[in-house]
Amino acid sequence: MHVADGAPRSGTAGAPGICLKMRIRADCLAEMSHNAARRHAGRHALERNREDLVARWVESKNVGGVSEVTLLTPIKKGFIPGEGRTYEQRLHQALTLTQERIANGYPTAISTIPTIHFARWLILRPQQYLCGDVDPRGRLTYGATNLADDTAIKLEMEKLTSWLFFTSNFDGDMMAYLRDFAVFLGEDLDHVWGNCEGYPAKGARRDFDGFWAYAKKYQLTTHAFYNAYPGLSVPRIHQLAAFKDLFDAFVARTRDGDGRSIDGLAEAFDQFVAETACFPSAFPDAGGMYRIPVPTGEIHRRGAG
């Protein structure tokens, strides 16, 4: 800093020297304050950009009204406090119990979501996602054949991360779908992703914004997505399947043993149409709860015999 001629230099006695020091200190404080403001503004801009990037990080593809999502989330390492099992073991038990209920025909929380076509959870362990051999001590070994001394790189398996892989096809929008997850599954959802790093501590239902940001952070890009039934939502598929069963039953009742139609087929068909006309009226739009109105009328066979 330039000091005018005649002004005392730093270290000399007198009021002018004190004033100069105070001015220097004031200039330094002002510069520090300015830099802090710039850093603060920069952090806010970075946070805004990060939020924008998270929101646009991966866009689910949609074909014929059906969307897809794939998440790959890291499972927590180590043992659960107060328990004799790891987070991965607890996750494995939760998924196994769900599969057992599905295999035995018991209702599950996932079956309450009205828009889901397909869902799969699986645990990816280091032995599966890394190429190599496991030695007798349980360590993954990479043979580096290009090295002169044929040195092997050994990695302790417990130090590597296991991942939860989730993929699903569903009707409509991803945010609405994940909100259904949070609402319909609630604690069941927490019992799964609560074993993974970064999952919101309050759970998906009480902190949906946190769950949404978590899902977007770990969503993977799908490069190709195919839908064999464009335009058919889950409720519509259920409706058509139920109607097909009713129509097959109608055909069976209106055919004699030799395959000919019974007498009065036209009247029987009119009755069938009247009885099944309530089907669409009680059926929800895509995303609504699915209810099948079952006609109670009976079509009586007409004719001789």
C-alpha atoms as a PDB file:
ATOM      1  CA  MET A   1       0.000   0.000   0.000  1.00  0.00           C
ATOM      2  CA  HIS A   2       1.337   3.498  -0.899  1.00  0.00           C
ATOM      3  CA  VAL A   3       2.013   5.900   2.007  1.00  0.00           C
ATOM      4  CA  ALA A   4       2.209   9.659   1.337  1.00  0.00           C
ATOM      5  CA  ASP A   5       5.403  11.554   2.099  1.00  0.00           C
ATOM      6  CA  GLY A   6       5.449  12.918   5.601  1.00  0.00           C
ATOM      7  CA  ALA A   7       3.081  10.308   6.978  1.00  0.00           C
ATOM      8  CA  PRO A   8       4.566   8.163   9.701  1.00  0.00           C
ATOM      9  CA  ARG A   9       5.603   4.705   8.622  1.00  0.00           C
ATOM     10  CA  SER A  10       4.241   1.622  10.334  1.00  0.00           C
ATOM     11  CA  GLY A  11       5.871   1.171  13.698  1.00  0.00           C
ATOM     12  CA  THR A  12       6.382   4.934  14.411  1.00  0.00           C
ATOM     13  CA  ALA A  13       4.670   6.581  17.332  1.00  0.00           C
ATOM     14  CA  GLY A  14       1.829   9.018  17.007  1.00  0.00           C
ATOM     15  CA  ALA A  15      -1.815   9.276  16.026  1.00  0.00           C
ATOM     16  CA  PRO A  16      -1.223   9.264  12.243  1.00  0.00           C
ATOM     17  CA  GLY A  17       0.386   5.832  12.541  1.00  0.00           C
ATOM     18  CA  ILE A  18      -2.582   4.516  14.499  1.00  0.00           C
ATOM     19  CA  CYS A  19      -4.981   5.928  11.902  1.00  0.00           C
ATOM     20  CA  LEU A  20      -3.047   4.262   9.110  1.00  0.00           C
ATOM     21  CA  LYS A  21      -3.228   0.898  10.863  1.00  0.00           C
ATOM     22  CA  MET A  22      -6.961   1.323  11.423  1.00  0.00           C
ATOM     23  CA  ARG A  23      -7.431   2.169   7.760  1.00  0.00           C
ATOM     24  CA  ILE A  24      -5.462  -0.879   6.683  1.00  0.00           C
ATOM     25  CA  ARG A  25      -7.471  -3.040   9.050  1.00  0.00           C
ATOM     26  CA  ALA A  26     -10.726  -1.547   7.775  1.00  0.00           C
ATOM     27  CA  ASP A  27      -9.688  -2.188   4.161  1.00  0.00           C
ATOM     28  CA  CYS A  28      -8.808  -5.792   5.011  1.00  0.00           C
ATOM     29  CA  LEU A  29     -12.101  -6.345   6.811  1.00  0.00           C
ATOM     30  CA  ALA A  30     -14.015  -4.840   3.885  1.00  0.00           C
ATOM     31  CA  GLU A  31     -12.202  -7.092   1.424  1.00  0.00           C
ATOM     32  CA  MET A  32     -12.815 -10.136   3.635  1.00  0.00           C
ATOM     33  CA  SER A  33     -16.502  -9.235   3.893  1.00  0.00           C
ATOM     34  CA  HIS A  34     -16.720  -8.787   0.114  1.00  0.00           C
ATOM     35  CA  ASN A  35     -15.026 -12.140  -0.490  1.00  0.00           C
ATOM     36  CA  ALA A  36     -17.304 -13.827   2.030  1.00  0.00           C
ATOM     37  CA  ALA A  37     -20.350 -12.362   0.280  1.00  0.00           C
ATOM     38  CA  ARG A  38     -19.048 -13.612  -3.049  1.00  0.00           C
ATOM     39  CA  ARG A  39     -18.473 -17.087  -1.619  1.00  0.00           C
ATOM     40  CA  HIS A  40     -21.940 -17.057  -0.050  1.00  0.00           C
ATOM     41  CA  ALA A  41     -23.525 -16.045  -3.356  1.00  0.00           C
ATOM     42  CA  GLY A  42     -21.446 -18.670  -5.139  1.00  0.00           C
ATOM     43  CA  ARG A  43     -22.619 -21.369  -2.742  1.00  0.00           C
ATOM     44  CA  HIS A  44     -26.244 -20.361  -3.302  1.00  0.00           C
ATOM     45  CA  ALA A  45     -25.741 -20.441  -7.060  1.00  0.00           C
ATOM     46  CA  LEU A  46     -24.038 -23.834  -6.791  1.00  0.00           C
ATOM     47  CA  GLU A  47     -26.896 -25.167  -4.664  1.00  0.00           C
ATOM     48  CA  ARG A  48     -29.428 -23.887  -7.178  1.00  0.00           C
ATOM     49  CA  ASN A  49     -27.488 -25.445 -10.028  1.00  0.00           C
ATOM     50  CA  ARG A  50     -27.207 -28.699  -8.088  1.00  0.00           C
ATOM     51  CA  GLU A  51     -30.967 -28.726  -7.523  1.00  0.00           C
ATOM     52  CA  ASP A  52     -31.547 -28.106 -11.219  1.00  0.00           C
ATOM     53  CA  LEU A  53     -29.073 -30.842 -12.139  1.00  0.00           C
ATOM     54  CA  VAL A  54     -30.738 -33.282  -9.733  1.00  0.00           C
ATOM     55  CA  ALA A  55     -34.137 -32.492 -11.200  1.00  0.00           C
ATOM     56  CA  ARG A  56     -32.835 -33.112 -14.724  1.00  0.00           C
ATOM     57  CA  TRP A  57     -30.272 -35.762 -13.859  1.00  0.00           C
ATOM     58  CA  VAL A  58     -32.217 -38.621 -15.421  1.00  0.00           C
ATOM     59  CA  GLU A  59     -35.556 -38.499 -17.170  1.00  0.00           C
ATOM     60  CA  SER A  60     -37.642 -41.672 -17.173  1.00  0.00           C
ATOM     61  CA  LYS A  61     -38.586 -42.813 -20.636  1.00  0.00           C
ATOM     62  CA  ASN A  62     -42.283 -43.181 -21.474  1.00  0.00           C
ATOM     63  CA  VAL A  63     -43.628 -45.369 -24.274  1.00  0.00           C
ATOM     64  CA  GLY A  64     -47.359 -45.631 -24.841  1.00  0.00           C
ATOM     65  CA  GLY A  65     -48.235 -44.213 -21.421  1.00  0.00           C
ATOM     66  CA  VAL A  66     -45.910 -46.585 -19.541  1.00  0.00           C
ATOM     67  CA  SER A  67     -42.746 -45.252 -17.881  1.00  0.00           C
ATOM     68  CA  GLU A  68     -39.630 -46.876 -16.460  1.00  0.00           C
ATOM     69  CA  VAL A  69     -37.269 -46.250 -13.568  1.00  0.00           C
ATOM     70  CA  THR A  70     -34.029 -47.905 -12.463  1.00  0.00           C
ATOM     71  CA  LEU A  71     -32.284 -47.100  -9.167  1.00  0.00           C
ATOM     72  CA  LEU A  72     -28.903 -48.311  -7.954  1.00  0.00           C
ATOM     73  CA  THR A  73     -28.416 -47.405  -4.283  1.00  0.00           C
ATOM     74  CA  PRO A  74     -25.436 -48.241  -2.009  1.00  0.00           C
ATOM     75  CA  ILE A  75     -26.206 -50.494   0.955  1.00  0.00           C
ATOM     76  CA  LYS A  76     -24.859 -49.413   4.335  1.00  0.00           C
ATOM     77  CA  LYS A  77     -21.819 -51.297   5.596  1.00  0.00           C
ATOM     78  CA  GLY A  78     -21.381 -52.878   8.994  1.00  0.00           C
ATOM     79  CA  PHE A  79     -23.716 -54.101  11.708  1.00  0.00           C
ATOM     80  CA  ILE A  80     -26.965 -52.468  12.765  1.00  0.00           C
ATOM     81  CA  PRO A  81     -26.559 -50.878  16.224  1.00  0.00           C
ATOM     82  CA  GLY A  82     -28.009 -53.185  18.868  1.00  0.00           C
ATOM     83  CA  GLU A  83     -28.484 -56.069  16.429  1.00  0.00           C
ATOM     84  CA  GLY A  84     -26.384 -59.038  15.438  1.00  0.00           C
ATOM     85  CA  ARG A  85     -26.940 -58.615  11.703  1.00  0.00           C
ATOM     86  CA  THR A  86     -25.697 -56.277   9.009  1.00  0.00           C
ATOM     87  CA  TYR A  87     -27.786 -53.835   6.996  1.00  0.00           C
ATOM     88  CA  GLU A  88     -27.383 -56.082   3.974  1.00  0.00           C
ATOM     89  CA  GLN A  89     -28.648 -59.087   5.921  1.00  0.00           C
ATOM     90  CA  ARG A  90     -31.687 -57.139   7.141  1.00  0.00           C
ATOM     91  CA  LEU A  91     -32.420 -55.992   3.600  1.00  0.00           C
ATOM     92  CA  HIS A  92     -32.071 -59.537   2.286  1.00  0.00           C
ATOM     93  CA  GLN A  93     -34.519 -60.807   4.924  1.00  0.00           C
ATOM     94  CA  ALA A  94     -37.064 -58.091   4.087  1.00  0.00           C
ATOM     95  CA  LEU A  95     -36.941 -58.873   0.355  1.00  0.00           C
ATOM     96  CA  THR A  96     -37.050 -62.641   0.979  1.00  0.00           C
ATOM     97  CA  LEU A  97     -40.145 -62.259   3.164  1.00  0.00           C
ATOM     98  CA  THR A  98     -41.850 -60.225   0.443  1.00  0.00           C
ATOM     99  CA  GLN A  99     -41.055 -62.858  -2.179  1.00  0.00           C
ATOM    100  CA  GLU A 100     -42.383 -65.639   0.060  1.00  0.00           C
ATOM    101  CA  ARG A 101     -45.686 -63.799   0.461  1.00  0.00           C
ATOM    102  CA  ILE A 102     -45.943 -63.317  -3.302  1.00  0.00           C
ATOM    103  CA  ALA A 103     -45.113 -66.995  -3.968  1.00  0.00           C
ATOM    104  CA  ASN A 104     -47.777 -68.132  -1.484  1.00  0.00           C
ATOM    105  CA  GLY A 105     -50.429 -65.834  -2.904  1.00  0.00           C
ATOM    106  CA  TYR A 106     -50.611 -63.559   0.155  1.00  0.00           C
ATOM    107  CA  PRO A 107     -51.257 -59.825  -0.267  1.00  0.00           C
ATOM    108  CA  THR A 108     -48.275 -57.500  -0.074  1.00  0.00           C
ATOM    109  CA  ALA A 109     -47.937 -53.762   0.283  1.00  0.00           C
ATOM    110  CA  ILE A 110     -46.644 -53.470  -3.283  1.00  0.00           C
ATOM    111  CA  SER A 111     -49.902 -54.946  -4.621  1.00  0.00           C
ATOM    112  CA  THR A 112     -51.806 -51.881  -3.360  1.00  0.00           C
ATOM    113  CA  ILE A 113     -50.150 -49.602  -5.920  1.00  0.00           C
ATOM    114  CA  PRO A 114     -52.658 -49.373  -8.796  1.00  0.00           C
ATOM    115  CA  THR A 115     -50.251 -48.236 -11.528  1.00  0.00           C
ATOM    116  CA  ILE A 116     -47.413 -50.748 -11.268  1.00  0.00           C
ATOM    117  CA  HIS A 117     -46.787 -53.150 -14.163  1.00  0.00           C
ATOM    118  CA  PHE A 118     -43.557 -54.685 -12.952  1.00  0.00           C
ATOM    119  CA  ALA A 119     -40.991 -54.276 -10.163  1.00  0.00           C
ATOM    120  CA  ARG A 120     -37.782 -56.041  -9.181  1.00  0.00           C
ATOM    121  CA  TRP A 121     -35.357 -55.632  -6.288  1.00  0.00           C
ATOM    122  CA  LEU A 122     -32.046 -57.461  -6.130  1.00  0.00           C
ATOM    123  CA  ILE A 123     -28.834 -57.145  -4.150  1.00  0.00           C
ATOM    124  CA  LEU A 124     -25.612 -56.807  -6.155  1.00  0.00           C
ATOM    125  CA  ARG A 125     -22.585 -57.986  -4.209  1.00  0.00           C
ATOM    126  CA  PRO A 126     -18.930 -57.343  -5.106  1.00  0.00           C
ATOM    127  CA  GLN A 127     -18.525 -60.983  -6.186  1.00  0.00           C
ATOM    128  CA  GLN A 128     -21.191 -60.329  -8.814  1.00  0.00           C
ATOM    129  CA  TYR A 129     -20.290 -56.921 -10.192  1.00  0.00           C
ATOM    130  CA  LEU A 130     -16.501 -57.430 -10.220  1.00  0.00           C
ATOM    131  CA  CYS A 131     -14.640 -59.896 -12.417  1.00  0.00           C
ATOM    132  CA  GLY A 132     -12.151 -61.977 -10.512  1.00  0.00           C
ATOM    133  CA  ASP A 133     -11.573 -64.995  -8.286  1.00  0.00           C
ATOM    134  CA  VAL A 134     -12.226 -65.335  -4.573  1.00  0.00           C
ATOM    135  CA  ASP A 135      -9.351 -66.873  -2.659  1.00  0.00           C
ATOM    136  CA  PRO A 136      -9.832 -69.281   0.318  1.00  0.00           C
ATOM    137  CA  ARG A 137      -9.780 -66.312   2.699  1.00  0.00           C
ATOM    138  CA  GLY A 138     -12.732 -64.703   0.943  1.00  0.00           C
ATOM    139  CA  ARG A 139     -10.709 -62.015  -0.813  1.00  0.00           C
ATOM    140  CA  LEU A 140     -11.237 -60.994  -4.419  1.00  0.00           C
ATOM    141  CA  THR A 141      -8.099 -61.486  -6.480  1.00  0.00           C
ATOM    142  CA  TYR A 142      -7.220 -59.858  -9.799  1.00  0.00           C
ATOM    143  CA  GLY A 143      -4.403 -61.491 -11.694  1.00  0.00           C
ATOM    144  CA  ALA A 144      -2.327 -58.775 -13.357  1.00  0.00           C
ATOM    145  CA  THR A 145      -0.697 -60.868 -16.069  1.00  0.00           C
ATOM    146  CA  ASN A 146       0.812 -57.820 -17.789  1.00  0.00           C
ATOM    147  CA  LEU A 147       3.131 -57.196 -14.841  1.00  0.00           C
ATOM    148  CA  ALA A 148       6.616 -58.714 -14.900  1.00  0.00           C
ATOM    149  CA  ASP A 149       6.275 -60.298 -11.466  1.00  0.00           C
ATOM    150  CA  ASP A 150       2.644 -61.362 -12.040  1.00  0.00           C
ATOM    151  CA  THR A 151       1.588 -59.405  -8.948  1.00  0.00           C
ATOM    152  CA  ALA A 152      -2.015 -59.945  -7.856  1.00  0.00           C
ATOM    153  CA  ILE A 153      -4.190 -57.119  -6.605  1.00  0.00           C
ATOM    154  CA  LYS A 154      -6.216 -58.303  -3.606  1.00  0.00           C
ATOM    155  CA  LEU A 155      -9.241 -56.498  -2.275  1.00  0.00           C
ATOM    156  CA  GLU A 156     -10.918 -57.284   1.020  1.00  0.00           C
ATOM    157  CA  MET A 157     -14.519 -58.118   0.188  1.00  0.00           C
ATOM    158  CA  GLU A 158     -15.947 -56.524   3.313  1.00  0.00           C
ATOM    159  CA  LYS A 159     -14.479 -53.186   2.280  1.00  0.00           C
ATOM    160  CA  LEU A 160     -16.424 -53.133  -0.981  1.00  0.00           C
ATOM    161  CA  THR A 161     -19.988 -51.862  -1.313  1.00  0.00           C
ATOM    162  CA  SER A 162     -23.042 -53.970  -2.065  1.00  0.00           C
ATOM    163  CA  TRP A 163     -25.808 -52.247  -4.014  1.00  0.00           C
ATOM    164  CA  LEU A 164     -29.597 -52.491  -4.129  1.00  0.00           C
ATOM    165  CA  PHE A 165     -30.796 -52.640  -7.741  1.00  0.00           C
ATOM    166  CA  PHE A 166     -34.421 -51.648  -8.363  1.00  0.00           C
ATOM    167  CA  THR A 167     -36.222 -51.433 -11.678  1.00  0.00           C
ATOM    168  CA  SER A 168     -39.901 -50.959 -12.455  1.00  0.00           C
ATOM    169  CA  ASN A 169     -42.419 -50.184 -15.209  1.00  0.00           C
ATOM    170  CA  PHE A 170     -45.496 -48.161 -14.300  1.00  0.00           C
ATOM    171  CA  ASP A 171     -48.300 -45.975 -15.642  1.00  0.00           C
ATOM    172  CA  GLY A 172     -47.833 -42.238 -15.848  1.00  0.00           C
ATOM    173  CA  ASP A 173     -45.317 -39.941 -14.200  1.00  0.00           C
ATOM    174  CA  MET A 174     -42.337 -40.974 -12.069  1.00  0.00           C
ATOM    175  CA  MET A 175     -42.989 -38.448  -9.312  1.00  0.00           C
ATOM    176  CA  ALA A 176     -46.612 -39.552  -8.979  1.00  0.00           C
ATOM    177  CA  TYR A 177     -45.456 -43.174  -8.946  1.00  0.00           C
ATOM    178  CA  LEU A 178     -42.902 -42.602  -6.192  1.00  0.00           C
ATOM    179  CA  ARG A 179     -45.487 -40.626  -4.239  1.00  0.00           C
ATOM    180  CA  ASP A 180     -47.732 -43.705  -4.440  1.00  0.00           C
ATOM    181  CA  PHE A 181     -44.786 -45.687  -3.082  1.00  0.00           C
ATOM    182  CA  ALA A 182     -44.468 -43.314  -0.147  1.00  0.00           C
ATOM    183  CA  VAL A 183     -48.225 -43.240   0.573  1.00  0.00           C
ATOM    184  CA  PHE A 184     -49.176 -46.886   0.030  1.00  0.00           C
ATOM    185  CA  LEU A 185     -46.004 -48.584   1.255  1.00  0.00           C
ATOM    186  CA  GLY A 186     -44.981 -46.247   4.058  1.00  0.00           C
ATOM    187  CA  GLU A 187     -42.874 -48.133   6.596  1.00  0.00           C
ATOM    188  CA  ASP A 188     -42.519 -51.112   4.251  1.00  0.00           C
ATOM    189  CA  LEU A 189     -40.595 -48.801   1.938  1.00  0.00           C
ATOM    190  CA  ASP A 190     -38.426 -47.642   4.833  1.00  0.00           C
ATOM    191  CA  HIS A 191     -37.654 -51.283   5.727  1.00  0.00           C
ATOM    192  CA  VAL A 192     -36.111 -51.686   2.279  1.00  0.00           C
ATOM    193  CA  TRP A 193     -34.302 -48.449   1.375  1.00  0.00           C
ATOM    194  CA  GLY A 194     -33.670 -47.601   5.010  1.00  0.00           C
ATOM    195  CA  ASN A 195     -30.772 -50.050   4.759  1.00  0.00           C
ATOM    196  CA  CYS A 196     -29.130 -47.885   2.102  1.00  0.00           C
ATOM    197  CA  GLU A 197     -26.881 -44.854   2.329  1.00  0.00           C
ATOM    198  CA  GLY A 198     -28.495 -41.443   1.971  1.00  0.00           C
ATOM    199  CA  TYR A 199     -32.115 -42.508   2.503  1.00  0.00           C
ATOM    200  CA  PRO A 200     -34.038 -39.743   4.344  1.00  0.00           C
ATOM    201  CA  ALA A 201     -34.036 -40.339   8.099  1.00  0.00           C
ATOM    202  CA  LYS A 202     -37.724 -39.400   8.431  1.00  0.00           C
ATOM    203  CA  GLY A 203     -38.749 -41.932   5.797  1.00  0.00           C
ATOM    204  CA  ALA A 204     -40.386 -41.485   2.414  1.00  0.00           C
ATOM    205  CA  ARG A 205     -43.905 -40.717   3.667  1.00  0.00           C
ATOM    206  CA  ARG A 206     -42.892 -37.936   6.081  1.00  0.00           C
ATOM    207  CA  ASP A 207     -40.141 -36.548   3.847  1.00  0.00           C
ATOM    208  CA  PHE A 208     -41.209 -37.089   0.259  1.00  0.00           C
ATOM    209  CA  ASP A 209     -39.017 -34.258  -1.035  1.00  0.00           C
ATOM    210  CA  GLY A 210     -36.017 -35.997   0.507  1.00  0.00           C
ATOM    211  CA  PHE A 211     -37.079 -39.327  -0.986  1.00  0.00           C
ATOM    212  CA  TRP A 212     -37.560 -37.738  -4.403  1.00  0.00           C
ATOM    213  CA  ALA A 213     -34.087 -36.150  -4.321  1.00  0.00           C
ATOM    214  CA  TYR A 214     -32.653 -39.486  -3.136  1.00  0.00           C
ATOM    215  CA  ALA A 215     -34.277 -41.375  -6.021  1.00  0.00           C
ATOM    216  CA  LYS A 216     -33.124 -38.831  -8.613  1.00  0.00           C
ATOM    217  CA  LYS A 217     -29.580 -38.976  -7.256  1.00  0.00           C
ATOM    218  CA  TYR A 218     -29.329 -42.734  -7.743  1.00  0.00           C
ATOM    219  CA  GLN A 219     -31.475 -43.138 -10.861  1.00  0.00           C
ATOM    220  CA  LEU A 220     -29.766 -44.726 -13.870  1.00  0.00           C
ATOM    221  CA  THR A 221     -30.328 -43.776 -17.489  1.00  0.00           C
ATOM    222  CA  THR A 222     -32.240 -46.315 -19.566  1.00  0.00           C
ATOM    223  CA  HIS A 223     -30.915 -46.210 -23.107  1.00  0.00           C
ATOM    224  CA  ALA A 224     -33.631 -48.347 -24.713  1.00  0.00           C
ATOM    225  CA  PHE A 225     -37.129 -49.066 -23.409  1.00  0.00           C
ATOM    226  CA  TYR A 226     -39.803 -51.208 -25.074  1.00  0.00           C
ATOM    227  CA  ASN A 227     -43.504 -51.479 -24.242  1.00  0.00           C
ATOM    228  CA  ALA A 228     -45.384 -54.359 -25.859  1.00  0.00           C
ATOM    229  CA  TYR A 229     -48.818 -52.900 -24.979  1.00  0.00           C
ATOM    230  CA  PRO A 230     -48.827 -49.147 -25.682  1.00  0.00           C
ATOM    231  CA  GLY A 231     -51.935 -47.382 -24.457  1.00  0.00           C
ATOM    232  CA  LEU A 232     -52.893 -50.076 -21.949  1.00  0.00           C
ATOM    233  CA  SER A 233     -52.738 -49.033 -18.312  1.00  0.00           C
ATOM    234  CA  VAL A 234     -52.774 -51.529 -15.441  1.00  0.00           C
ATOM    235  CA  PRO A 235     -56.475 -50.857 -14.674  1.00  0.00           C
ATOM    236  CA  ARG A 236     -57.360 -51.245 -18.349  1.00  0.00           C
ATOM    237  CA  ILE A 237     -55.518 -54.563 -18.550  1.00  0.00           C
ATOM    238  CA  HIS A 238     -57.373 -55.850 -15.488  1.00  0.00           C
ATOM    239  CA  GLN A 239     -60.643 -54.669 -16.978  1.00  0.00           C
ATOM    240  CA  LEU A 240     -60.077 -56.411 -20.289  1.00  0.00           C
ATOM    241  CA  ALA A 241     -58.961 -59.626 -18.568  1.00  0.00           C
ATOM    242  CA  ALA A 242     -62.070 -59.687 -16.365  1.00  0.00           C
ATOM    243  CA  PHE A 243     -64.335 -58.935 -19.324  1.00  0.00           C
ATOM    244  CA  LYS A 244     -62.700 -61.735 -21.317  1.00  0.00           C
ATOM    245  CA  ASP A 245     -63.498 -64.211 -18.521  1.00  0.00           C
ATOM    246  CA  LEU A 246     -67.140 -63.105 -18.498  1.00  0.00           C
ATOM    247  CA  PHE A 247     -67.396 -63.322 -22.272  1.00  0.00           C
ATOM    248  CA  ASP A 248     -65.863 -66.827 -22.328  1.00  0.00           C
ATOM    249  CA  ALA A 249     -68.432 -67.896 -19.740  1.00  0.00           C
ATOM    250  CA  PHE A 250     -71.201 -66.380 -21.870  1.00  0.00           C
ATOM    251  CA  VAL A 251     -70.027 -68.260 -24.963  1.00  0.00           C
ATOM    252  CA  ALA A 252     -69.929 -71.527 -23.016  1.00  0.00           C
ATOM    253  CA  ARG A 253     -73.514 -70.995 -21.826  1.00  0.00           C
ATOM    254  CA  THR A 254     -74.849 -70.160 -25.270  1.00  0.00           C
ATOM    255  CA  ARG A 255     -73.433 -73.185 -27.099  1.00  0.00           C
ATOM    256  CA  ASP A 256     -74.938 -76.663 -27.233  1.00  0.00           C
ATOM    257  CA  GLY A 257     -72.828 -79.789 -27.027  1.00  0.00           C
ATOM    258  CA  ASP A 258     -72.522 -79.919 -30.806  1.00  0.00           C
ATOM    259  CA  GLY A 259     -71.194 -76.359 -30.958  1.00  0.00           C
ATOM    260  CA  ARG A 260     -74.376 -74.787 -32.267  1.00  0.00           C
ATOM    261  CA  SER A 261     -75.873 -71.679 -30.737  1.00  0.00           C
ATOM    262  CA  ILE A 262     -78.797 -72.077 -28.403  1.00  0.00           C
ATOM    263  CA  ASP A 263     -82.235 -70.796 -29.284  1.00  0.00           C
ATOM    264  CA  GLY A 264     -82.721 -67.195 -28.242  1.00  0.00           C
ATOM    265  CA  LEU A 265     -79.060 -66.243 -28.654  1.00  0.00           C
ATOM    266  CA  ALA A 266     -79.922 -62.666 -29.610  1.00  0.00           C
ATOM    267  CA  GLU A 267     -81.929 -62.131 -26.415  1.00  0.00           C
ATOM    268  CA  ALA A 268     -79.170 -63.776 -24.345  1.00  0.00           C
ATOM    269  CA  PHE A 269     -76.566 -61.499 -25.870  1.00  0.00           C
ATOM    270  CA  ASP A 270     -78.675 -58.414 -25.190  1.00  0.00           C
ATOM    271  CA  GLN A 271     -78.897 -59.498 -21.553  1.00  0.00           C
ATOM    272  CA  PHE A 272     -75.149 -60.060 -21.393  1.00  0.00           C
ATOM    273  CA  VAL A 273     -74.497 -56.573 -22.782  1.00  0.00           C
ATOM    274  CA  ALA A 274     -76.883 -55.062 -20.235  1.00  0.00           C
ATOM    275  CA  GLU A 275     -75.230 -56.897 -17.356  1.00  0.00           C
ATOM    276  CA  THR A 276     -71.684 -55.943 -18.364  1.00  0.00           C
ATOM    277  CA  ALA A 277     -72.472 -52.336 -19.293  1.00  0.00           C
ATOM    278  CA  CYS A 278     -71.632 -51.323 -15.709  1.00  0.00           C
ATOM    279  CA  PHE A 279     -67.995 -52.329 -16.248  1.00  0.00           C
ATOM    280  CA  PRO A 280     -66.636 -49.067 -17.690  1.00  0.00           C
ATOM    281  CA  SER A 281     -68.803 -46.813 -15.505  1.00  0.00           C
ATOM    282  CA  ALA A 282     -67.218 -48.061 -12.270  1.00  0.00           C
ATOM    283  CA  PHE A 283     -63.708 -48.150 -13.670  1.00  0.00           C
ATOM    284  CA  PRO A 284     -61.154 -45.446 -12.744  1.00  0.00           C
ATOM    285  CA  ASP A 285     -58.788 -43.483 -14.895  1.00  0.00           C
ATOM    286  CA  ALA A 286     -55.104 -44.389 -15.010  1.00  0.00           C
ATOM    287  CA  GLY A 287     -53.722 -44.086 -11.494  1.00  0.00           C
ATOM    288  CA  GLY A 288     -57.060 -44.688  -9.764  1.00  0.00           C
ATOM    289  CA  MET A 289     -57.779 -47.567  -7.446  1.00  0.00           C
ATOM    290  CA  TYR A 290     -58.860 -50.683  -9.297  1.00  0.00           C
ATOM    291  CA  ARG A 291     -62.238 -52.219  -8.487  1.00  0.00           C
ATOM    292  CA  ILE A 292     -63.948 -54.928 -10.564  1.00  0.00           C
ATOM    293  CA  PRO A 293     -67.759 -54.726 -10.545  1.00  0.00           C
ATOM    294  CA  VAL A 294     -68.943 -58.322 -10.900  1.00  0.00           C
ATOM    295  CA  PRO A 295     -72.332 -58.659 -12.624  1.00  0.00           C
ATOM    296  CA  THR A 296     -74.761 -60.748 -10.587  1.00  0.00           C
ATOM    297  CA  GLY A 297     -77.344 -61.532 -13.282  1.00  0.00           C
ATOM    298  CA  GLU A 298     -77.689 -65.021 -14.626  1.00  0.00           C
ATOM    299  CA  ILE A 299     -78.201 -65.870 -18.270  1.00  0.00           C
ATOM    300  CA  HIS A 300     -80.550 -68.774 -18.537  1.00  0.00           C
ATOM    301  CA  ARG A 301     -80.305 -71.252 -21.325  1.00  0.00           C
ATOM    302  CA  ARG A 302     -83.240 -71.209 -23.650  1.00  0.00           C
ATOM    303  CA  GLY A 303     -84.427 -73.912 -25.985  1.00  0.00           C
ATOM    304  CA  ALA A 304     -85.529 -77.503 -25.950  1.00  0.00           C
ATOM    305  CA  GLY A 305     -84.087 -80.044 -23.601  1.00  0.00           C
END
